[in-house]
Amino acid sequence: MHPLADDIRACRLCADRFRATATRHTPRPVPWFDAGARILIAGQAPGARVHEAQRPFADASGVRLRDWLGLGEDEFYDRNRIAVVPMAFCFPGYDAKGSDLPPPPICAATWHDRVMAALPDLGLRILVGGHAHRWHLGGRLSLTERVADWRAHAPHTFPLPHPSWRNTGWLKRNPWFAEELLPVLKARVREVLQ
């Protein structure tokens, strides 16, 4: 693992913020990258299961994402090939209603430029969800507008919705995603990893 990952793992910038959430948890950053990575998966923030497992996408979302990419677990979790760099490295907690809190901006402001500089060989960026879309691509397009405009960014960048079960309705309303985008994405993943 890259030495910068050790610095991120020791980060406690959000300790007070997390203690004030409904979950009252402590920071447990989940950095997952090495300098040789060819593919970047930029997501939102780890969920509660990832917080416990200390492995990115260690939940049903990860199963769906690996299917979208055409990757098995061994390939997906090879840090020398795949870097998983969310907008916040820690689980941000839940609000009083049990909804996921957004990733704290201080995390990206503190770490992301340094992490991107540590990944010189990226051939593909996969941006999962609106927070990653805005940080990497800028602008204020809705998630659907951004994903629908995927051809403007391919073959080096693919904006995706989050693979959460909560987005199953979105996937049903937008069949072009599975029919048009995913085959091109899977082919590009194979090409970059050769």
C-alpha atoms as a PDB file:
ATOM      1  CA  MET A   1       0.000   0.000   0.000  1.00  0.00           C
ATOM      2  CA  HIS A   2       1.170   3.552  -0.732  1.00  0.00           C
ATOM      3  CA  PRO A   3       2.758   5.403   2.241  1.00  0.00           C
ATOM      4  CA  LEU A   4       0.146   8.173   1.890  1.00  0.00           C
ATOM      5  CA  ALA A   5      -2.491   5.585   2.788  1.00  0.00           C
ATOM      6  CA  ASP A   6      -0.903   5.281   6.243  1.00  0.00           C
ATOM      7  CA  ASP A   7      -1.294   9.042   6.743  1.00  0.00           C
ATOM      8  CA  ILE A   8      -4.947   8.843   5.689  1.00  0.00           C
ATOM      9  CA  ARG A   9      -5.574   5.857   7.954  1.00  0.00           C
ATOM     10  CA  ALA A  10      -4.282   7.936  10.915  1.00  0.00           C
ATOM     11  CA  CYS A  11      -6.517  10.939  10.086  1.00  0.00           C
ATOM     12  CA  ARG A  12      -8.918  12.053  12.816  1.00  0.00           C
ATOM     13  CA  LEU A  13     -10.036  15.410  11.377  1.00  0.00           C
ATOM     14  CA  CYS A  14     -13.707  14.471  11.683  1.00  0.00           C
ATOM     15  CA  ALA A  15     -13.665  12.870  15.142  1.00  0.00           C
ATOM     16  CA  ASP A  16     -15.799  15.602  16.738  1.00  0.00           C
ATOM     17  CA  ARG A  17     -18.171  15.672  13.756  1.00  0.00           C
ATOM     18  CA  PHE A  18     -18.715  11.898  13.893  1.00  0.00           C
ATOM     19  CA  ARG A  19     -19.283  11.904  17.654  1.00  0.00           C
ATOM     20  CA  ALA A  20     -22.114  14.380  17.023  1.00  0.00           C
ATOM     21  CA  THR A  21     -23.920  12.085  14.535  1.00  0.00           C
ATOM     22  CA  ALA A  22     -26.701   9.643  15.386  1.00  0.00           C
ATOM     23  CA  THR A  23     -24.139   6.817  15.105  1.00  0.00           C
ATOM     24  CA  ARG A  24     -21.592   8.497  17.435  1.00  0.00           C
ATOM     25  CA  HIS A  25     -18.747   6.559  15.817  1.00  0.00           C
ATOM     26  CA  THR A  26     -15.017   7.186  15.591  1.00  0.00           C
ATOM     27  CA  PRO A  27     -13.137   7.727  12.320  1.00  0.00           C
ATOM     28  CA  ARG A  28     -11.852   4.604  10.586  1.00  0.00           C
ATOM     29  CA  PRO A  29     -10.541   5.751   7.192  1.00  0.00           C
ATOM     30  CA  VAL A  30     -10.521   3.154   4.403  1.00  0.00           C
ATOM     31  CA  PRO A  31      -7.743   4.123   1.963  1.00  0.00           C
ATOM     32  CA  TRP A  32      -7.421   1.637  -0.911  1.00  0.00           C
ATOM     33  CA  PHE A  33      -4.802   2.513  -3.523  1.00  0.00           C
ATOM     34  CA  ASP A  34      -1.228   2.021  -4.640  1.00  0.00           C
ATOM     35  CA  ALA A  35       0.927   3.979  -7.082  1.00  0.00           C
ATOM     36  CA  GLY A  36       0.604   1.429  -9.903  1.00  0.00           C
ATOM     37  CA  ALA A  37      -3.200   1.558 -10.084  1.00  0.00           C
ATOM     38  CA  ARG A  38      -4.576   1.852 -13.618  1.00  0.00           C
ATOM     39  CA  ILE A  39      -8.245   2.422 -12.725  1.00  0.00           C
ATOM     40  CA  LEU A  40      -9.665   4.933 -10.275  1.00  0.00           C
ATOM     41  CA  ILE A  41     -13.057   4.322  -8.703  1.00  0.00           C
ATOM     42  CA  ALA A  42     -14.121   7.574  -7.083  1.00  0.00           C
ATOM     43  CA  GLY A  43     -17.157   7.139  -4.886  1.00  0.00           C
ATOM     44  CA  GLN A  44     -19.006   9.041  -2.185  1.00  0.00           C
ATOM     45  CA  ALA A  45     -17.983   7.658   1.224  1.00  0.00           C
ATOM     46  CA  PRO A  46     -17.832   4.282   2.932  1.00  0.00           C
ATOM     47  CA  GLY A  47     -21.075   2.951   4.363  1.00  0.00           C
ATOM     48  CA  ALA A  48     -21.498   1.325   7.759  1.00  0.00           C
ATOM     49  CA  ARG A  49     -20.595  -2.152   6.439  1.00  0.00           C
ATOM     50  CA  VAL A  50     -17.424  -0.857   4.815  1.00  0.00           C
ATOM     51  CA  HIS A  51     -16.594   0.985   8.055  1.00  0.00           C
ATOM     52  CA  GLU A  52     -16.715  -2.363   9.870  1.00  0.00           C
ATOM     53  CA  ALA A  53     -15.063  -4.477   7.146  1.00  0.00           C
ATOM     54  CA  GLN A  54     -12.336  -1.906   6.346  1.00  0.00           C
ATOM     55  CA  ARG A  55     -12.654  -2.867   2.681  1.00  0.00           C
ATOM     56  CA  PRO A  56     -14.328  -0.651   0.047  1.00  0.00           C
ATOM     57  CA  PHE A  57     -17.608  -1.772  -1.483  1.00  0.00           C
ATOM     58  CA  ALA A  58     -17.807  -4.731   0.919  1.00  0.00           C
ATOM     59  CA  ASP A  59     -21.585  -4.813   0.572  1.00  0.00           C
ATOM     60  CA  ALA A  60     -24.358  -5.393  -1.984  1.00  0.00           C
ATOM     61  CA  SER A  61     -23.358  -2.170  -3.773  1.00  0.00           C
ATOM     62  CA  GLY A  62     -19.946  -3.693  -4.356  1.00  0.00           C
ATOM     63  CA  VAL A  63     -21.465  -6.815  -5.891  1.00  0.00           C
ATOM     64  CA  ARG A  64     -23.435  -4.668  -8.331  1.00  0.00           C
ATOM     65  CA  LEU A  65     -20.455  -2.408  -9.098  1.00  0.00           C
ATOM     66  CA  ARG A  66     -18.159  -5.359  -9.810  1.00  0.00           C
ATOM     67  CA  ASP A  67     -20.831  -6.743 -12.148  1.00  0.00           C
ATOM     68  CA  TRP A  68     -21.048  -3.390 -13.941  1.00  0.00           C
ATOM     69  CA  LEU A  69     -17.273  -3.421 -14.418  1.00  0.00           C
ATOM     70  CA  GLY A  70     -16.982  -7.093 -15.308  1.00  0.00           C
ATOM     71  CA  LEU A  71     -14.507  -7.681 -12.473  1.00  0.00           C
ATOM     72  CA  GLY A  72     -14.157 -10.477  -9.970  1.00  0.00           C
ATOM     73  CA  GLU A  73     -13.272  -9.776  -6.351  1.00  0.00           C
ATOM     74  CA  ASP A  74      -9.579 -10.598  -6.777  1.00  0.00           C
ATOM     75  CA  GLU A  75      -9.151  -8.067  -9.587  1.00  0.00           C
ATOM     76  CA  PHE A  76     -11.306  -5.438  -7.921  1.00  0.00           C
ATOM     77  CA  TYR A  77      -9.378  -5.583  -4.644  1.00  0.00           C
ATOM     78  CA  ASP A  78      -5.915  -5.541  -6.241  1.00  0.00           C
ATOM     79  CA  ARG A  79      -4.649  -2.096  -5.128  1.00  0.00           C
ATOM     80  CA  ASN A  80      -1.930  -2.233  -7.781  1.00  0.00           C
ATOM     81  CA  ARG A  81      -4.638  -2.242 -10.453  1.00  0.00           C
ATOM     82  CA  ILE A  82      -7.687  -0.563  -8.889  1.00  0.00           C
ATOM     83  CA  ALA A  83      -7.669   2.506  -6.633  1.00  0.00           C
ATOM     84  CA  VAL A  84     -10.846   3.194  -4.667  1.00  0.00           C
ATOM     85  CA  VAL A  85     -10.795   6.833  -3.613  1.00  0.00           C
ATOM     86  CA  PRO A  86     -14.100   8.096  -2.199  1.00  0.00           C
ATOM     87  CA  MET A  87     -14.850  11.751  -1.536  1.00  0.00           C
ATOM     88  CA  ALA A  88     -14.493  10.930   2.161  1.00  0.00           C
ATOM     89  CA  PHE A  89     -12.418   8.026   3.420  1.00  0.00           C
ATOM     90  CA  CYS A  90     -14.587   7.492   6.519  1.00  0.00           C
ATOM     91  CA  PHE A  91     -18.201   6.527   7.078  1.00  0.00           C
ATOM     92  CA  PRO A  92     -19.848   9.929   7.705  1.00  0.00           C
ATOM     93  CA  GLY A  93     -22.638   8.440   9.824  1.00  0.00           C
ATOM     94  CA  TYR A  94     -26.408   8.741   9.765  1.00  0.00           C
ATOM     95  CA  ASP A  95     -28.607  11.683  10.541  1.00  0.00           C
ATOM     96  CA  ALA A  96     -31.403  11.504  13.138  1.00  0.00           C
ATOM     97  CA  LYS A  97     -33.748   9.955  10.522  1.00  0.00           C
ATOM     98  CA  GLY A  98     -31.276   7.181   9.629  1.00  0.00           C
ATOM     99  CA  SER A  99     -30.204   8.628   6.280  1.00  0.00           C
ATOM    100  CA  ASP A 100     -26.584   8.681   5.134  1.00  0.00           C
ATOM    101  CA  LEU A 101     -24.837  11.962   5.830  1.00  0.00           C
ATOM    102  CA  PRO A 102     -22.929  13.510   2.910  1.00  0.00           C
ATOM    103  CA  PRO A 103     -19.155  13.166   2.786  1.00  0.00           C
ATOM    104  CA  PRO A 104     -17.502  15.945   4.826  1.00  0.00           C
ATOM    105  CA  PRO A 105     -15.821  18.333   2.330  1.00  0.00           C
ATOM    106  CA  ILE A 106     -12.751  18.636   4.564  1.00  0.00           C
ATOM    107  CA  CYS A 107     -11.715  15.109   3.591  1.00  0.00           C
ATOM    108  CA  ALA A 108     -11.467  15.824  -0.142  1.00  0.00           C
ATOM    109  CA  ALA A 109      -9.915  19.229   0.549  1.00  0.00           C
ATOM    110  CA  THR A 110      -7.256  17.624   2.743  1.00  0.00           C
ATOM    111  CA  TRP A 111      -6.405  14.469   0.806  1.00  0.00           C
ATOM    112  CA  HIS A 112      -7.615  14.304  -2.782  1.00  0.00           C
ATOM    113  CA  ASP A 113      -5.021  16.402  -4.590  1.00  0.00           C
ATOM    114  CA  ARG A 114      -2.278  14.427  -2.838  1.00  0.00           C
ATOM    115  CA  VAL A 115      -3.886  11.083  -3.654  1.00  0.00           C
ATOM    116  CA  MET A 116      -4.412  12.004  -7.311  1.00  0.00           C
ATOM    117  CA  ALA A 117      -0.751  13.054  -7.541  1.00  0.00           C
ATOM    118  CA  ALA A 118       0.219   9.648  -6.113  1.00  0.00           C
ATOM    119  CA  LEU A 119      -1.632   7.831  -8.936  1.00  0.00           C
ATOM    120  CA  PRO A 120       0.369   8.717 -12.077  1.00  0.00           C
ATOM    121  CA  ASP A 121      -0.640   5.743 -14.234  1.00  0.00           C
ATOM    122  CA  LEU A 122      -4.429   6.035 -14.267  1.00  0.00           C
ATOM    123  CA  GLY A 123      -5.946   5.100 -17.603  1.00  0.00           C
ATOM    124  CA  LEU A 124      -9.571   5.203 -16.502  1.00  0.00           C
ATOM    125  CA  ARG A 125     -11.639   7.139 -13.967  1.00  0.00           C
ATOM    126  CA  ILE A 126     -14.978   5.702 -12.869  1.00  0.00           C
ATOM    127  CA  LEU A 127     -16.987   8.308 -10.981  1.00  0.00           C
ATOM    128  CA  VAL A 128     -19.683   6.808  -8.767  1.00  0.00           C
ATOM    129  CA  GLY A 129     -22.427   9.216  -7.703  1.00  0.00           C
ATOM    130  CA  GLY A 130     -23.018  12.949  -7.750  1.00  0.00           C
ATOM    131  CA  HIS A 131     -20.369  13.941  -5.189  1.00  0.00           C
ATOM    132  CA  ALA A 132     -17.624  12.309  -7.261  1.00  0.00           C
ATOM    133  CA  HIS A 133     -19.065  13.742 -10.480  1.00  0.00           C
ATOM    134  CA  ARG A 134     -18.913  17.297  -9.115  1.00  0.00           C
ATOM    135  CA  TRP A 135     -15.388  17.005  -7.700  1.00  0.00           C
ATOM    136  CA  HIS A 136     -13.852  15.389 -10.782  1.00  0.00           C
ATOM    137  CA  LEU A 137     -15.899  17.028 -13.547  1.00  0.00           C
ATOM    138  CA  GLY A 138     -17.261  20.227 -11.993  1.00  0.00           C
ATOM    139  CA  GLY A 139     -20.536  21.765 -13.058  1.00  0.00           C
ATOM    140  CA  ARG A 140     -24.008  21.382 -11.671  1.00  0.00           C
ATOM    141  CA  LEU A 141     -25.624  18.773 -13.888  1.00  0.00           C
ATOM    142  CA  SER A 142     -28.033  16.374 -12.246  1.00  0.00           C
ATOM    143  CA  LEU A 143     -26.855  12.808 -11.846  1.00  0.00           C
ATOM    144  CA  THR A 144     -29.081  11.663 -14.712  1.00  0.00           C
ATOM    145  CA  GLU A 145     -27.849  14.450 -17.007  1.00  0.00           C
ATOM    146  CA  ARG A 146     -24.217  13.684 -16.186  1.00  0.00           C
ATOM    147  CA  VAL A 147     -24.539   9.918 -16.695  1.00  0.00           C
ATOM    148  CA  ALA A 148     -26.582  10.406 -19.874  1.00  0.00           C
ATOM    149  CA  ASP A 149     -23.725  12.561 -21.207  1.00  0.00           C
ATOM    150  CA  TRP A 150     -21.174   9.781 -20.611  1.00  0.00           C
ATOM    151  CA  ARG A 151     -19.931   9.808 -24.212  1.00  0.00           C
ATOM    152  CA  ALA A 152     -18.553  13.333 -23.673  1.00  0.00           C
ATOM    153  CA  HIS A 153     -16.091  11.903 -21.134  1.00  0.00           C
ATOM    154  CA  ALA A 154     -15.382   8.419 -22.511  1.00  0.00           C
ATOM    155  CA  PRO A 155     -13.091   6.593 -22.948  1.00  0.00           C
ATOM    156  CA  HIS A 156     -11.052   7.992 -20.043  1.00  0.00           C
ATOM    157  CA  THR A 157     -13.869   8.846 -17.620  1.00  0.00           C
ATOM    158  CA  PHE A 158     -17.255   7.245 -16.979  1.00  0.00           C
ATOM    159  CA  PRO A 159     -19.785   8.900 -14.625  1.00  0.00           C
ATOM    160  CA  LEU A 160     -22.064   6.301 -13.019  1.00  0.00           C
ATOM    161  CA  PRO A 161     -24.948   6.316 -10.564  1.00  0.00           C
ATOM    162  CA  HIS A 162     -24.277   4.747  -7.204  1.00  0.00           C
ATOM    163  CA  PRO A 163     -24.769   0.962  -7.394  1.00  0.00           C
ATOM    164  CA  SER A 164     -26.935   0.999  -4.263  1.00  0.00           C
ATOM    165  CA  TRP A 165     -30.221  -0.918  -4.195  1.00  0.00           C
ATOM    166  CA  ARG A 166     -31.811   2.520  -3.643  1.00  0.00           C
ATOM    167  CA  ASN A 167     -31.068   3.274  -7.302  1.00  0.00           C
ATOM    168  CA  THR A 168     -32.840   0.210  -8.708  1.00  0.00           C
ATOM    169  CA  GLY A 169     -35.760   2.434  -9.770  1.00  0.00           C
ATOM    170  CA  TRP A 170     -33.363   4.779 -11.570  1.00  0.00           C
ATOM    171  CA  LEU A 171     -31.852   1.833 -13.418  1.00  0.00           C
ATOM    172  CA  LYS A 172     -35.305   0.649 -14.519  1.00  0.00           C
ATOM    173  CA  ARG A 173     -36.244   4.151 -15.742  1.00  0.00           C
ATOM    174  CA  ASN A 174     -32.976   4.478 -17.667  1.00  0.00           C
ATOM    175  CA  PRO A 175     -32.482   1.190 -19.567  1.00  0.00           C
ATOM    176  CA  TRP A 176     -29.918   2.858 -21.859  1.00  0.00           C
ATOM    177  CA  PHE A 177     -27.463   2.687 -18.937  1.00  0.00           C
ATOM    178  CA  ALA A 178     -27.260  -1.128 -19.040  1.00  0.00           C
ATOM    179  CA  GLU A 179     -27.785  -1.406 -22.786  1.00  0.00           C
ATOM    180  CA  GLU A 180     -25.379   1.283 -24.028  1.00  0.00           C
ATOM    181  CA  LEU A 181     -22.988   2.459 -21.318  1.00  0.00           C
ATOM    182  CA  LEU A 182     -22.113  -0.753 -19.468  1.00  0.00           C
ATOM    183  CA  PRO A 183     -20.868  -2.765 -22.487  1.00  0.00           C
ATOM    184  CA  VAL A 184     -18.527   0.084 -23.427  1.00  0.00           C
ATOM    185  CA  LEU A 185     -17.362   0.459 -19.825  1.00  0.00           C
ATOM    186  CA  LYS A 186     -16.651  -3.271 -19.424  1.00  0.00           C
ATOM    187  CA  ALA A 187     -14.623  -3.300 -22.651  1.00  0.00           C
ATOM    188  CA  ARG A 188     -12.657  -0.248 -21.512  1.00  0.00           C
ATOM    189  CA  VAL A 189     -11.921  -1.828 -18.105  1.00  0.00           C
ATOM    190  CA  ARG A 190     -10.499  -4.923 -19.842  1.00  0.00           C
ATOM    191  CA  GLU A 191      -8.439  -2.757 -22.212  1.00  0.00           C
ATOM    192  CA  VAL A 192      -6.920  -0.670 -19.407  1.00  0.00           C
ATOM    193  CA  LEU A 193      -6.088  -3.698 -17.256  1.00  0.00           C
ATOM    194  CA  GLN A 194      -4.264  -5.598 -20.056  1.00  0.00           C
END
